[in-house]
């Protein structure tokens, strides 16, 4: 089958494109610039831009399935209007092109963040949408785009399903939360925020990609599916697994209290914002590390057969192996600061993920 993947030059999209090629599908990637790595792996590249609907017609020619992963991620200082141009209007343009081309299956990659941080560890697809209260507009526009997809599907205009991954990690994740955490721990430059008792939900990329393929193959039209990890884990467990993968002793008892971290983040946002620069820490980053939340994949298990296979310890080991292979973490575990490839890790804590 001929399949179009948007966002194939990104972390999850790249893994998905390679998985589909391995399954024998003809895979086309919508790109704005060259991507020789994808071409070498058998992916056809077609030039196009979600913000320019006239470029999407050729991309859809002969396509029977679409995976829509492309989006503008959470960047400090980017206005809501810019997010809406890419994430909301761009999805609308792609939906229209898919309808016109008679696409047989459309999978939209949303985020569990459309319900924000629910303060529970068994959150499911029944939770209502929650308007973000922070400065980051990413989740707001993911929510808007998801609504467009589900409305089209439930109206019978397009056979579409939605997947909502949790924070996803693994080899190839250049700037994700887990990658930044591992590099900072390797360099001895990470101070835990909060006492580590709160839960987070992490899923290894191979599991998430497998869930997306299953949603494409057997998901119910107009349905949303959470793709979460094996179980919610505490931040302390995350730190223990990360340090073990790096060959370091477990975390100590020194940490920055959550309340103080929020105060510092608020001050940093005002001070750096006045200079039109990204602050070293944000309230969203503090929330990512300290708010209690976990998500249930019961629906995906029952309807798709989705069962995540890679546990936290194994996932951390694989990610560390990849980072060591790239030179970003030295074999002894210390981050390779000499390469200058991790300028984004100068932040005090990882920025929020999905």
Protein backbone atom coordinates (compact mmCIF):
# COMPACT_ATOMS: atom_id res chain seq x y z
CA UNK A 1 0.00 0.00 0.00
CA UNK A 2 1.16 3.55 -0.71
CA UNK A 3 1.37 5.58 2.49
CA UNK A 4 2.14 9.26 3.13
CA UNK A 5 3.89 10.23 6.36
CA UNK A 6 4.15 13.85 7.46
CA UNK A 7 6.80 14.56 10.06
CA UNK A 8 8.99 11.71 8.79
CA UNK A 9 12.11 13.82 9.31
CA UNK A 10 11.32 13.91 13.03
CA UNK A 11 11.94 11.41 15.79
CA UNK A 12 8.74 9.34 15.89
CA UNK A 13 7.93 9.96 12.22
CA UNK A 14 11.33 8.65 11.14
CA UNK A 15 10.89 5.44 13.14
CA UNK A 16 7.38 5.04 11.71
CA UNK A 17 8.51 5.54 8.09
CA UNK A 18 11.23 2.93 8.51
CA UNK A 19 8.78 0.50 10.15
CA UNK A 20 6.34 0.87 7.24
CA UNK A 21 9.10 0.34 4.66
CA UNK A 22 10.12 -2.80 6.55
CA UNK A 23 6.52 -4.02 6.34
CA UNK A 24 6.67 -3.77 2.55
CA UNK A 25 4.64 -0.58 2.06
CA UNK A 26 5.51 2.16 -0.41
CA UNK A 27 6.26 5.10 1.85
CA UNK A 28 6.22 8.75 0.80
CA UNK A 29 7.37 11.56 3.10
CA UNK A 30 6.17 15.14 2.89
CA UNK A 31 9.29 17.28 3.35
CA UNK A 32 10.29 20.91 3.06
CA UNK A 33 13.98 20.16 2.45
CA UNK A 34 16.20 17.23 1.51
CA UNK A 35 16.32 14.16 3.76
CA UNK A 36 19.00 11.87 2.33
CA UNK A 37 18.79 9.51 5.30
CA UNK A 38 15.19 8.68 4.52
CA UNK A 39 15.90 8.30 0.83
CA UNK A 40 18.66 5.79 1.54
CA UNK A 41 16.17 3.74 3.53
CA UNK A 42 13.71 3.54 0.67
CA UNK A 43 11.38 6.45 1.47
CA UNK A 44 10.16 8.56 -1.44
CA UNK A 45 10.43 12.28 -0.77
CA UNK A 46 7.87 14.77 -2.03
CA UNK A 47 8.23 18.49 -1.51
CA UNK A 48 5.34 20.17 0.26
CA UNK A 49 4.26 22.38 3.13
CA UNK A 50 1.20 22.09 5.36
CA UNK A 51 0.79 25.86 5.25
CA UNK A 52 0.61 25.82 1.44
CA UNK A 53 -2.39 23.67 0.49
CA UNK A 54 -1.58 23.88 -3.22
CA UNK A 55 1.53 21.74 -2.56
CA UNK A 56 -0.41 18.87 -0.98
CA UNK A 57 -2.28 17.63 -4.06
CA UNK A 58 0.78 16.04 -5.64
CA UNK A 59 1.80 14.51 -2.32
CA UNK A 60 -1.57 12.74 -2.08
CA UNK A 61 -1.50 11.32 -5.61
CA UNK A 62 -1.97 7.55 -5.45
CA UNK A 63 -1.85 7.50 -1.64
CA UNK A 64 -4.23 5.18 0.23
CA UNK A 65 -3.10 5.83 3.80
CA UNK A 66 -1.89 8.92 5.67
CA UNK A 67 -0.05 9.28 8.96
CA UNK A 68 -0.05 12.91 10.07
CA UNK A 69 2.72 13.57 12.61
CA UNK A 70 4.11 16.93 11.47
CA UNK A 71 3.59 19.82 13.87
CA UNK A 72 5.24 22.87 15.33
CA UNK A 73 6.57 21.76 18.71
CA UNK A 74 6.66 23.73 21.94
CA UNK A 75 9.09 26.62 21.52
CA UNK A 76 9.36 29.51 23.92
CA UNK A 77 8.05 32.84 22.66
CA UNK A 78 6.28 31.54 19.54
CA UNK A 79 2.84 33.23 19.30
CA UNK A 80 -0.39 31.23 19.24
CA UNK A 81 -1.09 32.48 15.71
CA UNK A 82 2.03 30.73 14.40
CA UNK A 83 1.09 27.47 16.07
CA UNK A 84 -2.39 27.71 14.58
CA UNK A 85 -1.01 28.33 11.10
CA UNK A 86 0.96 25.06 11.21
CA UNK A 87 -0.84 22.75 13.63
CA UNK A 88 -4.48 23.71 13.21
CA UNK A 89 -4.79 25.19 9.71
CA UNK A 90 -2.10 22.82 8.39
CA UNK A 91 -4.10 19.82 9.58
CA UNK A 92 -7.23 21.29 7.99
CA UNK A 93 -5.40 21.61 4.67
CA UNK A 94 -4.14 18.02 4.87
CA UNK A 95 -7.61 16.70 5.72
CA UNK A 96 -9.08 18.49 2.69
CA UNK A 97 -6.39 17.06 0.41
CA UNK A 98 -6.94 13.56 1.83
CA UNK A 99 -10.69 13.79 1.28
CA UNK A 100 -10.20 14.97 -2.29
CA UNK A 101 -7.78 12.11 -2.97
CA UNK A 102 -10.13 9.50 -1.51
CA UNK A 103 -7.66 8.34 1.15
CA UNK A 104 -8.82 5.10 2.75
CA UNK A 105 -7.25 5.61 6.16
CA UNK A 106 -6.01 8.69 8.03
CA UNK A 107 -4.15 8.52 11.36
CA UNK A 108 -3.58 11.74 13.29
CA UNK A 109 -0.88 11.85 15.96
CA UNK A 110 -2.24 14.00 18.76
CA UNK A 111 -1.02 14.09 22.39
CA UNK A 112 -2.23 13.14 25.85
CA UNK A 113 -1.56 16.80 26.58
CA UNK A 114 -4.98 17.70 25.16
CA UNK A 115 -6.25 16.84 28.66
CA UNK A 116 -3.22 18.56 30.22
CA UNK A 117 -2.02 17.15 33.56
CA UNK A 118 -5.05 15.47 35.14
CA UNK A 119 -3.49 14.78 38.56
CA UNK A 120 -4.25 11.04 38.38
CA UNK A 121 -2.44 7.98 37.07
CA UNK A 122 -5.31 6.23 35.26
CA UNK A 123 -6.43 9.00 32.89
CA UNK A 124 -8.17 7.69 29.78
CA UNK A 125 -9.77 8.93 26.57
CA UNK A 126 -12.98 9.91 28.38
CA UNK A 127 -11.34 12.92 30.02
CA UNK A 128 -12.56 16.21 28.53
CA UNK A 129 -10.34 18.60 26.65
CA UNK A 130 -8.68 21.12 28.96
CA UNK A 131 -7.59 24.56 27.79
CA UNK A 132 -3.91 25.14 28.64
CA UNK A 133 -3.20 27.83 31.21
CA UNK A 134 0.52 28.15 30.48
CA UNK A 135 2.39 30.14 27.88
CA UNK A 136 2.93 27.18 25.57
CA UNK A 137 0.34 26.97 22.77
CA UNK A 138 1.40 23.55 21.45
CA UNK A 139 -1.22 21.50 23.29
CA UNK A 140 -3.96 24.02 22.56
CA UNK A 141 -3.44 23.65 18.81
CA UNK A 142 -3.03 19.86 19.03
CA UNK A 143 -6.45 19.86 20.69
CA UNK A 144 -7.89 22.02 17.91
CA UNK A 145 -6.41 19.79 15.20
CA UNK A 146 -7.63 16.62 16.90
CA UNK A 147 -11.15 18.03 17.00
CA UNK A 148 -11.02 18.71 13.26
CA UNK A 149 -9.99 15.12 12.55
CA UNK A 150 -12.63 13.57 14.78
CA UNK A 151 -15.40 15.79 13.41
CA UNK A 152 -14.49 14.80 9.86
CA UNK A 153 -14.37 11.12 10.80
CA UNK A 154 -17.65 11.11 12.71
CA UNK A 155 -19.37 12.98 9.89
CA UNK A 156 -18.32 10.25 7.47
CA UNK A 157 -16.11 12.58 5.45
CA UNK A 158 -12.88 10.64 6.05
CA UNK A 159 -12.06 7.30 7.74
CA UNK A 160 -9.75 8.71 10.39
CA UNK A 161 -8.51 7.71 13.83
CA UNK A 162 -6.49 9.59 16.47
CA UNK A 163 -3.59 8.36 18.57
CA UNK A 164 -2.39 10.16 21.69
CA UNK A 165 1.16 9.17 22.69
CA UNK A 166 2.62 9.98 26.08
CA UNK A 167 6.20 11.30 26.38
CA UNK A 168 8.08 9.13 23.91
CA UNK A 169 11.81 8.40 24.06
CA UNK A 170 14.51 6.24 22.51
CA UNK A 171 17.32 6.33 19.92
CA UNK A 172 17.06 9.26 17.55
CA UNK A 173 15.29 11.56 20.00
CA UNK A 174 17.64 14.50 19.64
CA UNK A 175 15.97 17.00 21.99
CA UNK A 176 13.40 15.07 24.02
CA UNK A 177 12.98 15.09 27.78
CA UNK A 178 14.71 11.75 28.40
CA UNK A 179 17.63 12.57 26.11
CA UNK A 180 18.22 15.90 27.84
CA UNK A 181 17.90 14.27 31.25
CA UNK A 182 20.47 11.59 30.40
CA UNK A 183 22.99 14.06 29.00
CA UNK A 184 22.66 16.38 31.98
CA UNK A 185 22.99 13.47 34.43
CA UNK A 186 26.07 12.26 32.55
CA UNK A 187 27.61 15.71 32.94
CA UNK A 188 26.63 15.99 36.60
CA UNK A 189 24.52 19.05 35.82
CA UNK A 190 21.06 17.95 36.90
CA UNK A 191 19.37 18.91 40.18
CA UNK A 192 16.13 16.97 40.79
CA UNK A 193 13.03 19.10 41.18
CA UNK A 194 10.52 17.83 43.72
CA UNK A 195 10.79 14.76 45.92
CA UNK A 196 10.32 12.33 43.01
CA UNK A 197 7.11 10.75 44.28
CA UNK A 198 4.98 12.05 41.42
CA UNK A 199 4.27 9.77 38.45
CA UNK A 200 5.06 10.27 34.78
CA UNK A 201 4.25 8.09 31.79
CA UNK A 202 7.03 7.25 29.33
CA UNK A 203 6.72 5.05 26.25
CA UNK A 204 9.58 3.65 24.18
CA UNK A 205 9.45 4.68 20.54
CA UNK A 206 9.15 1.14 19.13
CA UNK A 207 6.02 0.58 21.21
CA UNK A 208 4.44 3.87 20.16
CA UNK A 209 5.14 3.24 16.47
CA UNK A 210 3.69 -0.25 16.78
CA UNK A 211 0.56 1.26 18.31
CA UNK A 212 0.23 3.72 15.45
CA UNK A 213 0.42 0.93 12.89
CA UNK A 214 -2.22 -1.04 14.80
CA UNK A 215 -4.49 2.01 14.91
CA UNK A 216 -4.08 2.33 11.14
CA UNK A 217 -4.86 -1.34 10.57
CA UNK A 218 -7.74 -1.90 12.99
CA UNK A 219 -8.71 1.28 14.86
CA UNK A 220 -12.37 2.31 14.88
CA UNK A 221 -13.16 5.34 12.73
CA UNK A 222 -13.68 8.45 14.84
CA UNK A 223 -11.96 6.92 17.85
CA UNK A 224 -9.01 8.21 19.91
CA UNK A 225 -6.46 5.84 21.44
CA UNK A 226 -3.93 6.58 24.18
CA UNK A 227 -0.52 4.98 23.57
CA UNK A 228 1.15 4.95 26.98
CA UNK A 229 4.03 3.06 28.54
CA UNK A 230 3.89 -0.25 30.45
CA UNK A 231 2.87 1.62 33.63
CA UNK A 232 3.16 5.06 35.19
CA UNK A 233 6.49 5.39 37.03
CA UNK A 234 7.65 7.80 39.69
CA UNK A 235 10.23 10.42 38.83
CA UNK A 236 12.49 8.76 41.38
CA UNK A 237 12.23 5.51 39.40
CA UNK A 238 13.08 7.43 36.22
CA UNK A 239 16.19 8.89 37.84
CA UNK A 240 17.26 5.53 39.25
CA UNK A 241 16.87 3.83 35.85
CA UNK A 242 18.65 6.68 34.06
CA UNK A 243 21.58 6.68 36.46
CA UNK A 244 21.83 2.89 36.34
CA UNK A 245 22.00 3.00 32.54
CA UNK A 246 24.81 5.54 32.87
CA UNK A 247 26.64 3.40 35.43
CA UNK A 248 26.09 5.95 38.19
CA UNK A 249 24.84 5.43 41.75
CA UNK A 250 21.20 6.08 42.55
CA UNK A 251 19.94 9.61 43.24
CA UNK A 252 20.60 11.16 46.61
CA UNK A 253 18.22 13.09 48.80
CA UNK A 254 19.07 16.60 47.63
CA UNK A 255 16.42 18.23 45.46
CA UNK A 256 14.90 21.61 44.68
CA UNK A 257 11.46 21.96 46.35
CA UNK A 258 8.65 22.25 43.82
CA UNK A 259 7.27 25.51 45.22
CA UNK A 260 10.65 27.17 45.06
CA UNK A 261 11.20 25.85 41.54
CA UNK A 262 7.90 27.39 40.41
CA UNK A 263 8.83 30.74 41.92
CA UNK A 264 12.24 30.68 40.21
CA UNK A 265 10.65 29.66 36.91
CA UNK A 266 8.12 32.48 37.08
CA UNK A 267 10.87 34.99 37.79
CA UNK A 268 13.01 33.58 34.95
CA UNK A 269 10.13 33.80 32.49
CA UNK A 270 9.61 37.48 33.30
CA UNK A 271 13.30 38.37 33.32
CA UNK A 272 14.33 36.49 30.19
CA UNK A 273 11.05 37.30 28.44
CA UNK A 274 11.81 41.00 28.80
CA UNK A 275 15.01 40.29 26.87
CA UNK A 276 13.12 38.23 24.26
CA UNK A 277 15.15 35.16 25.18
CA UNK A 278 14.19 31.68 26.28
CA UNK A 279 14.42 31.39 30.09
CA UNK A 280 16.69 28.70 31.56
CA UNK A 281 13.67 27.17 33.33
CA UNK A 282 9.92 27.52 32.78
CA UNK A 283 6.82 26.67 34.79
CA UNK A 284 5.87 24.10 32.15
CA UNK A 285 9.23 22.39 32.64
CA UNK A 286 8.70 22.29 36.40
CA UNK A 287 5.22 20.84 35.85
CA UNK A 288 6.60 18.14 33.57
CA UNK A 289 8.91 16.96 36.34
CA UNK A 290 6.60 17.34 39.31
CA UNK A 291 2.90 16.95 38.42
CA UNK A 292 1.39 13.54 39.13
CA UNK A 293 -0.09 11.93 36.00
CA UNK A 294 -0.34 8.61 34.21
CA UNK A 295 -2.46 7.31 31.35
CA UNK A 296 -4.36 4.12 30.66
CA UNK A 297 -3.92 2.26 27.38
CA UNK A 298 -6.78 -0.13 28.21
CA UNK A 299 -8.80 0.91 25.14
CA UNK A 300 -5.81 0.49 22.83
CA UNK A 301 -5.10 -2.93 24.35
CA UNK A 302 -8.70 -4.11 24.01
CA UNK A 303 -9.37 -2.76 20.52
CA UNK A 304 -5.92 -2.70 18.89
CA UNK A 305 -3.99 -5.37 20.76
CA UNK A 306 -1.53 -2.71 21.92
CA UNK A 307 0.74 -4.00 24.69
CA UNK A 308 3.95 -2.00 25.29
CA UNK A 309 6.93 -4.33 25.48
CA UNK A 310 9.92 -2.18 26.46
CA UNK A 311 10.23 -1.39 30.14
CA UNK A 312 11.90 1.65 31.65
CA UNK A 313 15.24 0.03 32.47
CA UNK A 314 15.65 -1.56 29.04
CA UNK A 315 14.52 1.61 27.27
CA UNK A 316 17.04 3.69 29.20
CA UNK A 317 19.85 1.26 28.35
CA UNK A 318 19.02 1.39 24.65
CA UNK A 319 18.87 5.18 24.69
CA UNK A 320 22.21 5.46 26.51
CA UNK A 321 23.78 3.05 24.00
CA UNK A 322 22.59 5.30 21.17
CA UNK A 323 23.84 8.46 22.87
CA UNK A 324 27.23 6.85 23.43
CA UNK A 325 27.31 5.80 19.79
CA UNK A 326 26.76 9.40 18.72
CA UNK A 327 29.43 10.69 21.11
CA UNK A 328 27.03 12.83 23.11
CA UNK A 329 27.75 10.68 26.16
CA UNK A 330 31.24 9.26 26.58
CA UNK A 331 31.61 5.53 27.16
CA UNK A 332 32.35 6.19 30.80
CA UNK A 333 29.02 8.00 31.10
CA UNK A 334 30.27 11.60 31.09
CA UNK A 335 28.64 13.89 28.56
CA UNK A 336 30.89 14.90 25.66
CA UNK A 337 30.71 18.67 26.09
CA UNK A 338 33.55 19.19 23.63
CA UNK A 339 31.36 18.52 20.61
CA UNK A 340 29.04 21.43 21.34
CA UNK A 341 26.07 19.46 20.05
CA UNK A 342 23.86 19.92 23.08
CA UNK A 343 23.48 23.67 23.40
CA UNK A 344 19.85 23.14 24.26
CA UNK A 345 20.82 21.28 27.45
CA UNK A 346 21.92 24.54 29.07
CA UNK A 347 18.48 24.75 30.57
CA UNK A 348 18.18 23.93 34.28
CA UNK A 349 15.54 21.24 33.73
CA UNK A 350 14.12 19.51 30.65
CA UNK A 351 11.40 21.33 28.81
CA UNK A 352 7.95 19.73 28.69
CA UNK A 353 7.19 16.94 26.35
CA UNK A 354 3.89 15.40 25.43
